[in-house]
N, C-alpha and C. Protein backbone atom coordinates (compact mmCIF):
# COMPACT_ATOMS: atom_id res chain seq x y z
N MET A 1 -105.97 -4.08 -57.07
CA MET A 1 -107.39 -4.17 -55.99
C MET A 1 -108.53 -4.51 -57.72
N LYS A 2 -109.38 -5.07 -57.03
CA LYS A 2 -110.17 -5.77 -58.26
C LYS A 2 -112.04 -5.43 -57.81
N ARG A 3 -112.13 -4.76 -58.66
CA ARG A 3 -113.60 -4.91 -57.77
C ARG A 3 -114.22 -6.16 -58.63
N THR A 4 -115.18 -5.65 -57.67
CA THR A 4 -117.21 -6.55 -57.51
C THR A 4 -118.04 -6.34 -57.35
N THR A 5 -118.93 -6.71 -57.67
CA THR A 5 -120.49 -6.61 -56.77
C THR A 5 -120.82 -7.31 -55.83
N ILE A 6 -122.22 -6.70 -55.40
CA ILE A 6 -122.79 -6.91 -53.90
C ILE A 6 -123.93 -6.52 -54.24
N VAL A 7 -124.70 -7.44 -53.56
CA VAL A 7 -125.77 -7.29 -53.23
C VAL A 7 -126.75 -7.13 -52.14
N ALA A 8 -127.31 -5.72 -51.85
CA ALA A 8 -127.36 -4.98 -50.32
C ALA A 8 -128.97 -4.07 -50.80
N ASP A 9 -129.29 -4.33 -49.26
CA ASP A 9 -130.73 -3.70 -49.43
C ASP A 9 -130.61 -2.62 -49.20
N GLU A 10 -131.50 -1.53 -50.53
CA GLU A 10 -131.60 -0.51 -50.88
C GLU A 10 -131.16 0.94 -49.19
N SER A 11 -132.11 0.62 -48.38
CA SER A 11 -131.99 1.61 -46.96
C SER A 11 -130.55 1.10 -46.12
N LEU A 12 -129.58 0.24 -46.76
CA LEU A 12 -128.52 -0.11 -46.11
C LEU A 12 -127.79 0.52 -46.99
N LEU A 13 -127.38 0.49 -48.61
CA LEU A 13 -126.72 0.87 -48.96
C LEU A 13 -126.68 3.19 -49.40
N LEU A 14 -128.07 3.47 -48.95
CA LEU A 14 -128.25 4.29 -49.06
C LEU A 14 -127.87 5.41 -47.48
N GLU A 15 -128.21 4.66 -46.54
CA GLU A 15 -127.04 4.46 -44.95
C GLU A 15 -125.97 4.45 -45.25
N LEU A 16 -125.39 4.29 -46.04
CA LEU A 16 -123.85 4.10 -46.38
C LEU A 16 -122.93 5.02 -47.07
N LYS A 17 -123.74 5.46 -47.99
CA LYS A 17 -124.22 6.41 -49.11
C LYS A 17 -123.90 7.91 -47.86
N HIS A 18 -124.40 7.96 -47.37
CA HIS A 18 -124.41 9.29 -46.14
C HIS A 18 -123.75 9.27 -45.36
N GLN A 19 -122.46 8.16 -44.75
CA GLN A 19 -121.84 7.75 -43.85
C GLN A 19 -121.20 8.27 -44.35
N ALA A 20 -120.56 7.79 -46.00
CA ALA A 20 -119.06 8.11 -46.57
C ALA A 20 -119.55 9.59 -46.39
N LYS A 21 -120.50 10.23 -46.80
CA LYS A 21 -120.16 11.58 -47.50
C LYS A 21 -119.83 12.11 -45.48
N ARG A 22 -120.65 12.03 -45.03
CA ARG A 22 -120.47 12.44 -43.45
C ARG A 22 -119.07 12.30 -43.05
N GLU A 23 -117.78 11.37 -43.67
CA GLU A 23 -116.70 11.28 -43.27
C GLU A 23 -115.93 11.46 -44.06
N GLY A 24 -116.65 12.25 -45.72
CA GLY A 24 -115.59 12.57 -46.43
C GLY A 24 -115.03 11.48 -46.76
N ARG A 25 -114.61 10.38 -47.01
CA ARG A 25 -114.66 8.96 -48.00
C ARG A 25 -115.93 8.59 -48.68
N THR A 26 -115.17 7.26 -49.82
CA THR A 26 -116.01 6.84 -50.61
C THR A 26 -116.59 5.59 -50.39
N VAL A 27 -117.60 5.74 -50.60
CA VAL A 27 -118.37 4.04 -49.74
C VAL A 27 -117.13 2.67 -50.24
N SER A 28 -116.65 2.73 -51.66
CA SER A 28 -116.09 1.37 -50.91
C SER A 28 -114.61 1.87 -50.19
N GLU A 29 -114.50 2.87 -49.32
CA GLU A 29 -113.33 2.72 -48.56
C GLU A 29 -114.27 1.86 -47.30
N LEU A 30 -115.00 2.72 -46.48
CA LEU A 30 -116.21 1.73 -45.37
C LEU A 30 -116.09 1.05 -46.04
N ILE A 31 -116.44 0.12 -47.30
CA ILE A 31 -116.85 -1.27 -47.62
C ILE A 31 -115.25 -2.21 -47.11
N ARG A 32 -114.31 -1.72 -47.85
CA ARG A 32 -113.06 -2.60 -47.27
C ARG A 32 -112.86 -2.49 -46.13
N GLU A 33 -112.85 -1.44 -45.25
CA GLU A 33 -112.78 -1.10 -43.84
C GLU A 33 -113.48 -2.36 -43.64
N ALA A 34 -114.86 -2.20 -43.53
CA ALA A 34 -115.92 -3.47 -42.64
C ALA A 34 -115.88 -4.81 -43.10
N LEU A 35 -115.51 -4.68 -44.40
CA LEU A 35 -114.94 -6.51 -44.75
C LEU A 35 -113.67 -6.73 -43.54
N GLU A 36 -111.99 -6.28 -43.93
CA GLU A 36 -111.38 -6.29 -43.23
C GLU A 36 -111.85 -6.37 -41.89
N GLY A 37 -112.38 -5.73 -41.14
CA GLY A 37 -112.62 -5.80 -39.64
C GLY A 37 -113.18 -7.09 -39.48
N TYR A 38 -114.54 -7.33 -40.39
CA TYR A 38 -115.24 -8.76 -40.66
C TYR A 38 -114.09 -9.76 -40.13
N LEU A 39 -112.76 -9.61 -40.97
CA LEU A 39 -112.44 -10.87 -41.56
C LEU A 39 -111.31 -11.11 -40.53
N ARG A 40 -110.83 -9.73 -40.01
CA ARG A 40 -109.81 -10.07 -38.06
C ARG A 40 -110.30 -10.34 -37.27
N ARG A 41 -112.02 -10.07 -37.27
CA ARG A 41 -112.29 -10.30 -35.95
C ARG A 41 -112.88 -11.75 -36.01
N GLY A 42 -112.89 -12.45 -36.70
CA GLY A 42 -112.01 -14.12 -36.92
C GLY A 42 -111.67 -14.75 -36.53
N GLU A 43 -110.26 -14.22 -36.57
CA GLU A 43 -108.68 -14.09 -36.88
C GLU A 43 -109.19 -14.99 -35.08
N LYS A 44 -108.61 -16.27 -34.72
CA LYS A 44 -107.82 -16.36 -33.50
C LYS A 44 -106.63 -15.51 -33.24
N LYS A 45 -106.25 -15.53 -31.87
CA LYS A 45 -105.14 -15.23 -31.07
C LYS A 45 -104.01 -15.62 -31.41
N LYS A 46 -102.52 -15.61 -31.72
CA LYS A 46 -102.06 -17.01 -32.07
C LYS A 46 -101.18 -17.00 -30.22
N THR A 47 -100.82 -18.11 -29.79
CA THR A 47 -100.74 -18.09 -27.98
C THR A 47 -99.06 -19.10 -28.15
N LEU A 48 -98.70 -18.94 -26.78
CA LEU A 48 -97.38 -19.64 -26.80
C LEU A 48 -97.67 -21.04 -26.94
N SER A 49 -97.65 -21.93 -27.11
CA SER A 49 -97.30 -23.30 -26.77
C SER A 49 -97.10 -23.66 -25.71
N PHE A 50 -95.71 -23.12 -24.87
CA PHE A 50 -94.90 -23.20 -24.19
C PHE A 50 -95.63 -22.80 -22.63
N VAL A 51 -96.87 -21.86 -23.01
CA VAL A 51 -96.83 -21.69 -21.53
C VAL A 51 -97.83 -21.92 -20.29
N GLY A 52 -97.06 -22.40 -19.24
CA GLY A 52 -97.88 -23.43 -18.43
C GLY A 52 -96.94 -24.56 -18.81
N ALA A 53 -96.15 -24.92 -19.13
CA ALA A 53 -95.15 -25.49 -18.92
C ALA A 53 -94.33 -26.14 -18.04
N GLY A 54 -93.98 -24.90 -17.02
CA GLY A 54 -93.50 -25.28 -15.88
C GLY A 54 -94.08 -25.50 -14.73
N ARG A 55 -93.06 -25.11 -13.69
CA ARG A 55 -93.86 -24.97 -12.73
C ARG A 55 -93.48 -23.89 -11.68
N SER A 56 -94.41 -23.02 -11.66
CA SER A 56 -94.51 -21.59 -11.29
C SER A 56 -94.57 -21.80 -9.53
N GLY A 57 -95.72 -22.31 -9.08
CA GLY A 57 -96.42 -22.77 -8.34
C GLY A 57 -97.96 -21.68 -8.09
N ARG A 58 -97.93 -21.09 -9.32
CA ARG A 58 -99.41 -20.72 -10.43
C ARG A 58 -100.35 -21.10 -10.65
N ASN A 59 -101.72 -21.25 -10.20
CA ASN A 59 -102.22 -21.68 -11.10
C ASN A 59 -103.70 -21.66 -11.83
N ASP A 60 -103.10 -19.87 -12.39
CA ASP A 60 -104.45 -19.34 -13.46
C ASP A 60 -102.96 -19.32 -14.63
N ILE A 61 -101.97 -19.42 -14.43
CA ILE A 61 -101.25 -18.87 -16.48
C ILE A 61 -101.68 -19.47 -17.22
N SER A 62 -102.78 -20.82 -17.62
CA SER A 62 -103.18 -20.64 -18.87
C SER A 62 -104.30 -19.25 -18.89
N GLU A 63 -104.96 -19.13 -17.57
CA GLU A 63 -106.21 -17.80 -17.77
C GLU A 63 -105.39 -16.39 -18.10
N LYS A 64 -103.98 -16.05 -17.26
CA LYS A 64 -103.49 -15.35 -16.92
C LYS A 64 -102.69 -14.84 -18.01
N SER A 65 -102.32 -15.41 -19.19
CA SER A 65 -100.70 -15.80 -19.65
C SER A 65 -100.44 -14.22 -20.33
N GLU A 66 -101.11 -14.18 -21.15
CA GLU A 66 -100.31 -13.21 -21.97
C GLU A 66 -100.27 -11.50 -20.49
N GLU A 67 -101.62 -11.36 -19.38
CA GLU A 67 -101.23 -10.38 -18.58
C GLU A 67 -99.94 -10.50 -18.24
N ILE A 68 -99.59 -11.67 -17.49
CA ILE A 68 -98.45 -12.25 -16.41
C ILE A 68 -97.06 -11.79 -17.89
N LEU A 69 -97.09 -12.53 -19.27
CA LEU A 69 -96.29 -11.81 -19.62
C LEU A 69 -95.81 -9.90 -19.91
N GLU A 70 -97.02 -9.29 -20.35
CA GLU A 70 -97.62 -7.80 -20.23
C GLU A 70 -96.23 -7.77 -19.23
N GLN A 71 -96.59 -7.41 -17.61
CA GLN A 71 -96.21 -7.74 -16.74
C GLN A 71 -95.15 -7.64 -16.63
N ALA A 72 -94.24 -8.89 -17.03
CA ALA A 72 -92.91 -9.47 -17.41
C ALA A 72 -91.98 -7.71 -18.17
N PHE A 73 -92.71 -8.21 -19.05
CA PHE A 73 -92.18 -7.23 -19.66
C PHE A 73 -91.79 -5.83 -19.46
N GLU A 74 -93.03 -5.36 -19.19
CA GLU A 74 -92.88 -4.12 -17.96
C GLU A 74 -91.43 -3.69 -17.46
N ARG A 75 -91.55 -4.64 -16.32
CA ARG A 75 -90.62 -4.90 -15.31
C ARG A 75 -89.50 -4.79 -16.21
N ALA A 76 -89.26 -5.07 -17.29
CA ALA A 76 -88.19 -5.55 -17.93
C ALA A 76 -87.10 -4.61 -19.11
N ARG A 77 -88.02 -3.61 -18.76
CA ARG A 77 -87.87 -2.02 -19.33
C ARG A 77 -87.06 -1.77 -18.70
């Protein structure tokens, strides 16, 4: 890991310290977790490029592809 410095509002840092104490964790842990969550939120979900390529007779494949695939996997188990 590499150390870095941030500039933040004093009240935010105080709140962060209190939260870390309540959870029994370090401020650094909370900041790392928050940064990871922020960066993951921006990631796009990968979709299968071939979904909807055939003719199924359904007109909702593109909107419900994940749900349809999940149901198919459940039936296959």
